[in-house]
Amino acid sequence: MKMHSFVRENVEKIVQLNSDQQLSIKFSYFNQYLYFLFAPTLLYRDNYPRTSVIQWNIVLNMFGQFVIIIFLVYHILANFWMPSFTHFFINDDITLELTVATIFDLMLPGVLILILGKIVNEFIFMEMRVFFFV
């Protein structure tokens, strides 16, 4: 979808050119396309609206959320996963019941880690990129 948006935005520029004009003057630059690929938007524009100054209180708020999520993931790994793995690998007799119980013990913390990873990727990292990269 992003490639289609980029092409649709630049087709008009190419169609409006005469045969004697240079193509590279009106066409978008590669760094604009590269920014568009990583920006959280589906509509391509040559210039996106920006504020004149970086709002550091929002940046610090997002960084604080990132640190809290990293702490939560560490807490989940240390208190839920490590005891299960330790118990699983210390036992000499690994049975089907022990394996199934260990898998079910690790499911909820694993889903929680996936949700926290999605929050970090989509809501914090993508917004931080908008603040710092032009």
N, C-alpha and C. Protein backbone atom coordinates (compact mmCIF):
# COMPACT_ATOMS: atom_id res chain seq x y z
N MET A 1 0.82 -1.19 0.00
CA MET A 1 0.00 0.00 0.00
C MET A 1 0.87 1.26 0.00
N LYS A 2 1.99 1.20 0.70
CA LYS A 2 2.85 2.38 0.73
C LYS A 2 3.48 2.64 -0.63
N MET A 3 3.88 1.59 -1.32
CA MET A 3 4.46 1.75 -2.66
C MET A 3 3.42 2.35 -3.61
N HIS A 4 2.17 1.90 -3.50
CA HIS A 4 1.11 2.43 -4.34
C HIS A 4 0.89 3.92 -4.06
N SER A 5 0.91 4.30 -2.80
CA SER A 5 0.74 5.71 -2.44
C SER A 5 1.88 6.56 -3.00
N PHE A 6 3.10 6.03 -2.91
CA PHE A 6 4.26 6.76 -3.44
C PHE A 6 4.14 6.93 -4.95
N VAL A 7 3.75 5.89 -5.65
CA VAL A 7 3.62 5.95 -7.10
C VAL A 7 2.50 6.90 -7.51
N ARG A 8 1.36 6.81 -6.84
CA ARG A 8 0.22 7.67 -7.18
C ARG A 8 0.54 9.15 -6.96
N GLU A 9 1.32 9.46 -5.96
CA GLU A 9 1.66 10.85 -5.69
C GLU A 9 2.64 11.40 -6.73
N ASN A 10 3.52 10.54 -7.25
CA ASN A 10 4.54 11.01 -8.18
C ASN A 10 4.15 10.87 -9.64
N VAL A 11 3.09 10.13 -9.94
CA VAL A 11 2.65 9.99 -11.33
C VAL A 11 2.21 11.34 -11.89
N GLU A 12 1.54 12.12 -11.09
CA GLU A 12 1.08 13.44 -11.55
C GLU A 12 2.26 14.34 -11.90
N LYS A 13 3.33 14.25 -11.14
CA LYS A 13 4.51 15.07 -11.43
C LYS A 13 5.14 14.66 -12.75
N ILE A 14 5.19 13.38 -13.02
CA ILE A 14 5.82 12.89 -14.24
C ILE A 14 4.95 13.19 -15.46
N VAL A 15 3.63 13.07 -15.31
CA VAL A 15 2.73 13.32 -16.44
C VAL A 15 2.74 14.79 -16.83
N GLN A 16 2.89 15.68 -15.87
CA GLN A 16 2.88 17.11 -16.15
C GLN A 16 4.16 17.62 -16.79
N LEU A 17 5.21 16.83 -16.80
CA LEU A 17 6.48 17.26 -17.38
C LEU A 17 6.40 17.29 -18.91
N ASN A 18 7.07 18.25 -19.48
CA ASN A 18 7.24 18.27 -20.94
C ASN A 18 8.41 17.39 -21.31
N SER A 19 8.58 17.14 -22.57
CA SER A 19 9.67 16.29 -23.00
C SER A 19 11.04 16.96 -22.84
N ASP A 20 11.08 18.29 -22.78
CA ASP A 20 12.37 18.98 -22.66
C ASP A 20 12.78 19.21 -21.19
N GLN A 21 11.91 18.98 -20.25
CA GLN A 21 12.26 19.17 -18.84
C GLN A 21 12.95 17.92 -18.30
N GLN A 22 13.75 18.14 -17.27
CA GLN A 22 14.45 17.02 -16.65
C GLN A 22 13.53 16.32 -15.65
N LEU A 23 13.61 15.01 -15.63
CA LEU A 23 12.76 14.22 -14.74
C LEU A 23 13.17 14.33 -13.28
N SER A 24 14.45 14.46 -13.01
CA SER A 24 14.92 14.43 -11.63
C SER A 24 14.60 15.70 -10.85
N ILE A 25 14.21 16.76 -11.52
CA ILE A 25 13.93 18.01 -10.81
C ILE A 25 12.64 17.89 -9.99
N LYS A 26 11.60 17.35 -10.57
CA LYS A 26 10.31 17.29 -9.91
C LYS A 26 10.08 16.00 -9.12
N PHE A 27 10.87 14.98 -9.40
CA PHE A 27 10.63 13.69 -8.78
C PHE A 27 11.11 13.70 -7.34
N SER A 28 10.49 12.90 -6.49
CA SER A 28 10.84 12.84 -5.06
C SER A 28 12.21 12.21 -4.88
N TYR A 29 12.87 12.60 -3.80
CA TYR A 29 14.18 12.07 -3.49
C TYR A 29 14.05 10.73 -2.75
N PHE A 30 15.11 9.95 -2.77
CA PHE A 30 15.09 8.64 -2.14
C PHE A 30 14.95 8.75 -0.62
N ASN A 31 15.58 9.77 -0.01
CA ASN A 31 15.47 9.90 1.45
C ASN A 31 14.04 10.23 1.87
N GLN A 32 13.28 10.92 1.02
CA GLN A 32 11.87 11.16 1.33
C GLN A 32 11.08 9.86 1.30
N TYR A 33 11.38 9.01 0.33
CA TYR A 33 10.70 7.71 0.25
C TYR A 33 11.11 6.82 1.42
N LEU A 34 12.37 6.85 1.80
CA LEU A 34 12.84 6.05 2.91
C LEU A 34 12.19 6.49 4.22
N TYR A 35 12.05 7.80 4.42
CA TYR A 35 11.34 8.29 5.60
C TYR A 35 9.89 7.84 5.58
N PHE A 36 9.26 7.88 4.41
CA PHE A 36 7.88 7.47 4.29
C PHE A 36 7.69 6.00 4.62
N LEU A 37 8.66 5.15 4.28
CA LEU A 37 8.55 3.73 4.59
C LEU A 37 8.48 3.47 6.08
N PHE A 38 9.18 4.26 6.88
CA PHE A 38 9.22 4.04 8.31
C PHE A 38 8.31 4.96 9.09
N ALA A 39 7.69 5.93 8.45
CA ALA A 39 6.77 6.83 9.14
C ALA A 39 5.44 6.13 9.35
N PRO A 40 4.76 6.43 10.45
CA PRO A 40 3.47 5.78 10.70
C PRO A 40 2.33 6.45 9.93
N THR A 41 2.41 6.43 8.61
CA THR A 41 1.37 7.00 7.77
C THR A 41 1.25 6.18 6.50
N LEU A 42 0.08 6.23 5.87
CA LEU A 42 -0.13 5.51 4.62
C LEU A 42 -0.19 6.44 3.42
N LEU A 43 -0.22 7.75 3.64
CA LEU A 43 -0.30 8.71 2.55
C LEU A 43 1.06 9.37 2.35
N TYR A 44 1.58 9.29 1.14
CA TYR A 44 2.88 9.87 0.86
C TYR A 44 2.74 11.36 0.57
N ARG A 45 3.60 12.14 1.14
CA ARG A 45 3.74 13.56 0.84
C ARG A 45 5.22 13.87 0.79
N ASP A 46 5.59 14.89 0.02
CA ASP A 46 7.01 15.27 -0.02
C ASP A 46 7.45 15.90 1.29
N ASN A 47 6.57 16.63 1.93
CA ASN A 47 6.87 17.27 3.22
C ASN A 47 5.72 16.98 4.17
N TYR A 48 6.07 16.57 5.38
CA TYR A 48 5.07 16.30 6.41
C TYR A 48 5.08 17.45 7.41
N PRO A 49 3.92 17.76 7.99
CA PRO A 49 3.89 18.87 8.97
C PRO A 49 4.67 18.49 10.23
N ARG A 50 5.43 19.45 10.72
CA ARG A 50 6.22 19.24 11.94
C ARG A 50 6.10 20.47 12.81
N THR A 51 6.32 20.27 14.09
CA THR A 51 6.40 21.42 14.97
C THR A 51 7.80 22.01 14.87
N SER A 52 7.93 23.25 15.26
CA SER A 52 9.23 23.91 15.12
C SER A 52 10.22 23.46 16.20
N VAL A 53 9.71 23.01 17.33
CA VAL A 53 10.60 22.54 18.41
C VAL A 53 10.18 21.13 18.82
N ILE A 54 11.12 20.39 19.38
CA ILE A 54 10.83 19.06 19.90
C ILE A 54 10.21 19.20 21.28
N GLN A 55 9.10 18.53 21.50
CA GLN A 55 8.42 18.58 22.80
C GLN A 55 9.05 17.53 23.71
N TRP A 56 10.00 17.98 24.53
CA TRP A 56 10.80 17.06 25.32
C TRP A 56 9.99 16.38 26.40
N ASN A 57 8.91 16.99 26.88
CA ASN A 57 8.10 16.32 27.90
C ASN A 57 7.43 15.07 27.33
N ILE A 58 7.01 15.10 26.07
CA ILE A 58 6.42 13.93 25.44
C ILE A 58 7.49 12.87 25.19
N VAL A 59 8.67 13.30 24.78
CA VAL A 59 9.77 12.35 24.53
C VAL A 59 10.16 11.66 25.84
N LEU A 60 10.29 12.41 26.92
CA LEU A 60 10.64 11.82 28.21
C LEU A 60 9.54 10.90 28.72
N ASN A 61 8.28 11.25 28.46
CA ASN A 61 7.16 10.40 28.85
C ASN A 61 7.24 9.05 28.13
N MET A 62 7.51 9.09 26.83
CA MET A 62 7.62 7.85 26.06
C MET A 62 8.84 7.04 26.47
N PHE A 63 9.94 7.71 26.78
CA PHE A 63 11.12 7.00 27.25
C PHE A 63 10.84 6.34 28.59
N GLY A 64 10.10 7.03 29.47
CA GLY A 64 9.71 6.43 30.74
C GLY A 64 8.84 5.21 30.56
N GLN A 65 7.91 5.26 29.59
CA GLN A 65 7.08 4.09 29.30
C GLN A 65 7.94 2.94 28.80
N PHE A 66 8.93 3.24 27.96
CA PHE A 66 9.84 2.22 27.45
C PHE A 66 10.61 1.56 28.59
N VAL A 67 11.12 2.34 29.53
CA VAL A 67 11.87 1.80 30.66
C VAL A 67 10.97 0.93 31.53
N ILE A 68 9.73 1.36 31.76
CA ILE A 68 8.80 0.58 32.56
C ILE A 68 8.49 -0.76 31.88
N ILE A 69 8.30 -0.74 30.56
CA ILE A 69 8.01 -1.98 29.85
C ILE A 69 9.20 -2.93 29.88
N ILE A 70 10.41 -2.39 29.75
CA ILE A 70 11.61 -3.24 29.86
C ILE A 70 11.69 -3.86 31.25
N PHE A 71 11.37 -3.09 32.28
CA PHE A 71 11.36 -3.61 33.65
C PHE A 71 10.31 -4.70 33.80
N LEU A 72 9.12 -4.51 33.21
CA LEU A 72 8.07 -5.52 33.29
C LEU A 72 8.47 -6.81 32.58
N VAL A 73 9.11 -6.70 31.42
CA VAL A 73 9.56 -7.89 30.70
C VAL A 73 10.61 -8.63 31.52
N TYR A 74 11.53 -7.90 32.14
CA TYR A 74 12.53 -8.53 33.00
C TYR A 74 11.85 -9.24 34.17
N HIS A 75 10.87 -8.59 34.77
CA HIS A 75 10.14 -9.18 35.90
C HIS A 75 9.43 -10.46 35.47
N ILE A 76 8.80 -10.45 34.31
CA ILE A 76 8.11 -11.65 33.81
C ILE A 76 9.11 -12.77 33.56
N LEU A 77 10.23 -12.44 32.93
CA LEU A 77 11.24 -13.47 32.64
C LEU A 77 11.84 -14.05 33.93
N ALA A 78 12.14 -13.17 34.88
CA ALA A 78 12.81 -13.63 36.10
C ALA A 78 11.88 -14.40 37.03
N ASN A 79 10.61 -14.00 37.11
CA ASN A 79 9.72 -14.61 38.10
C ASN A 79 8.78 -15.68 37.54
N PHE A 80 8.59 -15.72 36.24
CA PHE A 80 7.68 -16.72 35.68
C PHE A 80 8.39 -17.74 34.80
N TRP A 81 9.26 -17.27 33.91
CA TRP A 81 9.90 -18.20 32.97
C TRP A 81 11.06 -18.94 33.59
N MET A 82 11.93 -18.26 34.29
CA MET A 82 13.12 -18.91 34.83
C MET A 82 12.79 -20.03 35.82
N PRO A 83 11.83 -19.86 36.74
CA PRO A 83 11.50 -21.00 37.61
C PRO A 83 10.94 -22.20 36.83
N SER A 84 10.16 -21.93 35.79
CA SER A 84 9.62 -23.04 35.00
C SER A 84 10.73 -23.78 34.27
N PHE A 85 11.64 -23.05 33.66
CA PHE A 85 12.75 -23.69 32.97
C PHE A 85 13.68 -24.41 33.95
N THR A 86 13.92 -23.80 35.10
CA THR A 86 14.78 -24.44 36.10
C THR A 86 14.15 -25.74 36.58
N HIS A 87 12.86 -25.70 36.88
CA HIS A 87 12.16 -26.91 37.33
C HIS A 87 12.14 -27.96 36.23
N PHE A 88 11.99 -27.55 35.00
CA PHE A 88 11.91 -28.49 33.88
C PHE A 88 13.26 -29.16 33.62
N PHE A 89 14.34 -28.42 33.73
CA PHE A 89 15.65 -28.99 33.40
C PHE A 89 16.33 -29.68 34.58
N ILE A 90 15.85 -29.45 35.82
CA ILE A 90 16.45 -30.12 36.97
C ILE A 90 15.91 -31.54 37.12
N ASN A 91 14.65 -31.74 36.76
CA ASN A 91 14.05 -33.07 36.89
C ASN A 91 14.76 -34.07 35.98
N ASP A 92 14.97 -35.26 36.55
CA ASP A 92 15.60 -36.33 35.76
C ASP A 92 14.60 -37.01 34.84
N ASP A 93 13.39 -37.16 35.32
CA ASP A 93 12.37 -37.82 34.51
C ASP A 93 11.42 -36.78 33.93
N ILE A 94 11.53 -36.57 32.63
CA ILE A 94 10.67 -35.60 31.94
C ILE A 94 9.52 -36.39 31.33
N THR A 95 8.35 -36.14 31.86
CA THR A 95 7.17 -36.85 31.39
C THR A 95 6.31 -35.92 30.53
N LEU A 96 5.32 -36.51 29.91
CA LEU A 96 4.40 -35.73 29.10
C LEU A 96 3.61 -34.75 29.95
N GLU A 97 3.21 -35.16 31.15
CA GLU A 97 2.46 -34.27 32.04
C GLU A 97 3.29 -33.06 32.46
N LEU A 98 4.58 -33.30 32.76
CA LEU A 98 5.46 -32.20 33.14
C LEU A 98 5.67 -31.25 31.97
N THR A 99 5.81 -31.78 30.77
CA THR A 99 6.00 -30.94 29.59
C THR A 99 4.76 -30.09 29.31
N VAL A 100 3.59 -30.69 29.37
CA VAL A 100 2.35 -29.95 29.12
C VAL A 100 2.13 -28.90 30.21
N ALA A 101 2.40 -29.25 31.46
CA ALA A 101 2.25 -28.28 32.55
C ALA A 101 3.21 -27.11 32.39
N THR A 102 4.43 -27.38 31.96
CA THR A 102 5.40 -26.31 31.74
C THR A 102 4.98 -25.41 30.59
N ILE A 103 4.47 -26.00 29.53
CA ILE A 103 4.01 -25.20 28.39
C ILE A 103 2.86 -24.29 28.81
N PHE A 104 1.90 -24.83 29.56
CA PHE A 104 0.78 -24.01 30.00
C PHE A 104 1.21 -22.96 31.02
N ASP A 105 2.23 -23.25 31.82
CA ASP A 105 2.75 -22.24 32.75
C ASP A 105 3.43 -21.08 32.02
N LEU A 106 3.97 -21.36 30.83
CA LEU A 106 4.70 -20.32 30.09
C LEU A 106 3.83 -19.57 29.09
N MET A 107 2.59 -20.01 28.86
CA MET A 107 1.75 -19.37 27.85
C MET A 107 1.35 -17.95 28.20
N LEU A 108 0.79 -17.74 29.35
CA LEU A 108 0.31 -16.40 29.72
C LEU A 108 1.45 -15.38 29.80
N PRO A 109 2.58 -15.70 30.46
CA PRO A 109 3.69 -14.74 30.42
C PRO A 109 4.21 -14.48 29.01
N GLY A 110 4.20 -15.50 28.15
CA GLY A 110 4.65 -15.31 26.77
C GLY A 110 3.74 -14.37 26.00
N VAL A 111 2.44 -14.52 26.17
CA VAL A 111 1.49 -13.62 25.51
C VAL A 111 1.65 -12.21 26.05
N LEU A 112 1.89 -12.08 27.34
CA LEU A 112 2.10 -10.75 27.93
C LEU A 112 3.36 -10.09 27.36
N ILE A 113 4.41 -10.87 27.15
CA ILE A 113 5.63 -10.31 26.55
C ILE A 113 5.37 -9.88 25.11
N LEU A 114 4.60 -10.66 24.37
CA LEU A 114 4.25 -10.28 22.99
C LEU A 114 3.44 -8.98 22.96
N ILE A 115 2.49 -8.84 23.86
CA ILE A 115 1.68 -7.61 23.92
C ILE A 115 2.56 -6.41 24.28
N LEU A 116 3.45 -6.57 25.25
CA LEU A 116 4.34 -5.48 25.62
C LEU A 116 5.29 -5.13 24.48
N GLY A 117 5.75 -6.13 23.74
CA GLY A 117 6.60 -5.86 22.58
C GLY A 117 5.86 -5.09 21.50
N LYS A 118 4.60 -5.42 21.29
CA LYS A 118 3.79 -4.69 20.31
C LYS A 118 3.59 -3.25 20.75
N ILE A 119 3.36 -3.04 22.02
CA ILE A 119 3.21 -1.67 22.54
C ILE A 119 4.49 -0.88 22.32
N VAL A 120 5.63 -1.50 22.61
CA VAL A 120 6.91 -0.80 22.42
C VAL A 120 7.11 -0.46 20.95
N ASN A 121 6.84 -1.40 20.07
CA ASN A 121 7.11 -1.18 18.66
C ASN A 121 6.16 -0.16 18.05
N GLU A 122 4.89 -0.30 18.28
CA GLU A 122 3.93 0.53 17.56
C GLU A 122 3.63 1.86 18.22
N PHE A 123 3.57 1.89 19.54
CA PHE A 123 3.13 3.11 20.19
C PHE A 123 4.27 3.97 20.72
N ILE A 124 5.39 3.38 21.00
CA ILE A 124 6.49 4.17 21.55
C ILE A 124 7.57 4.40 20.50
N PHE A 125 8.08 3.33 19.89
CA PHE A 125 9.18 3.47 18.96
C PHE A 125 8.78 4.24 17.71
N MET A 126 7.59 3.98 17.17
CA MET A 126 7.15 4.68 15.97
C MET A 126 6.93 6.16 16.24
N GLU A 127 6.41 6.50 17.40
CA GLU A 127 6.21 7.90 17.73
C GLU A 127 7.52 8.62 18.02
N MET A 128 8.47 7.92 18.62
CA MET A 128 9.77 8.54 18.87
C MET A 128 10.48 8.84 17.56
N ARG A 129 10.32 7.98 16.56
CA ARG A 129 10.94 8.23 15.27
C ARG A 129 10.38 9.49 14.63
N VAL A 130 9.10 9.74 14.81
CA VAL A 130 8.49 10.93 14.22
C VAL A 130 9.09 12.18 14.84
N PHE A 131 9.43 12.13 16.12
CA PHE A 131 9.98 13.31 16.78
C PHE A 131 11.39 13.64 16.32
N PHE A 132 12.21 12.63 16.03
CA PHE A 132 13.61 12.89 15.80
C PHE A 132 14.05 12.88 14.35
N PHE A 133 13.41 12.13 13.49
CA PHE A 133 13.87 12.02 12.11
C PHE A 133 13.01 12.88 11.21
N VAL A 134 13.67 13.61 10.34
CA VAL A 134 12.96 14.50 9.42
C VAL A 134 12.62 13.76 8.17
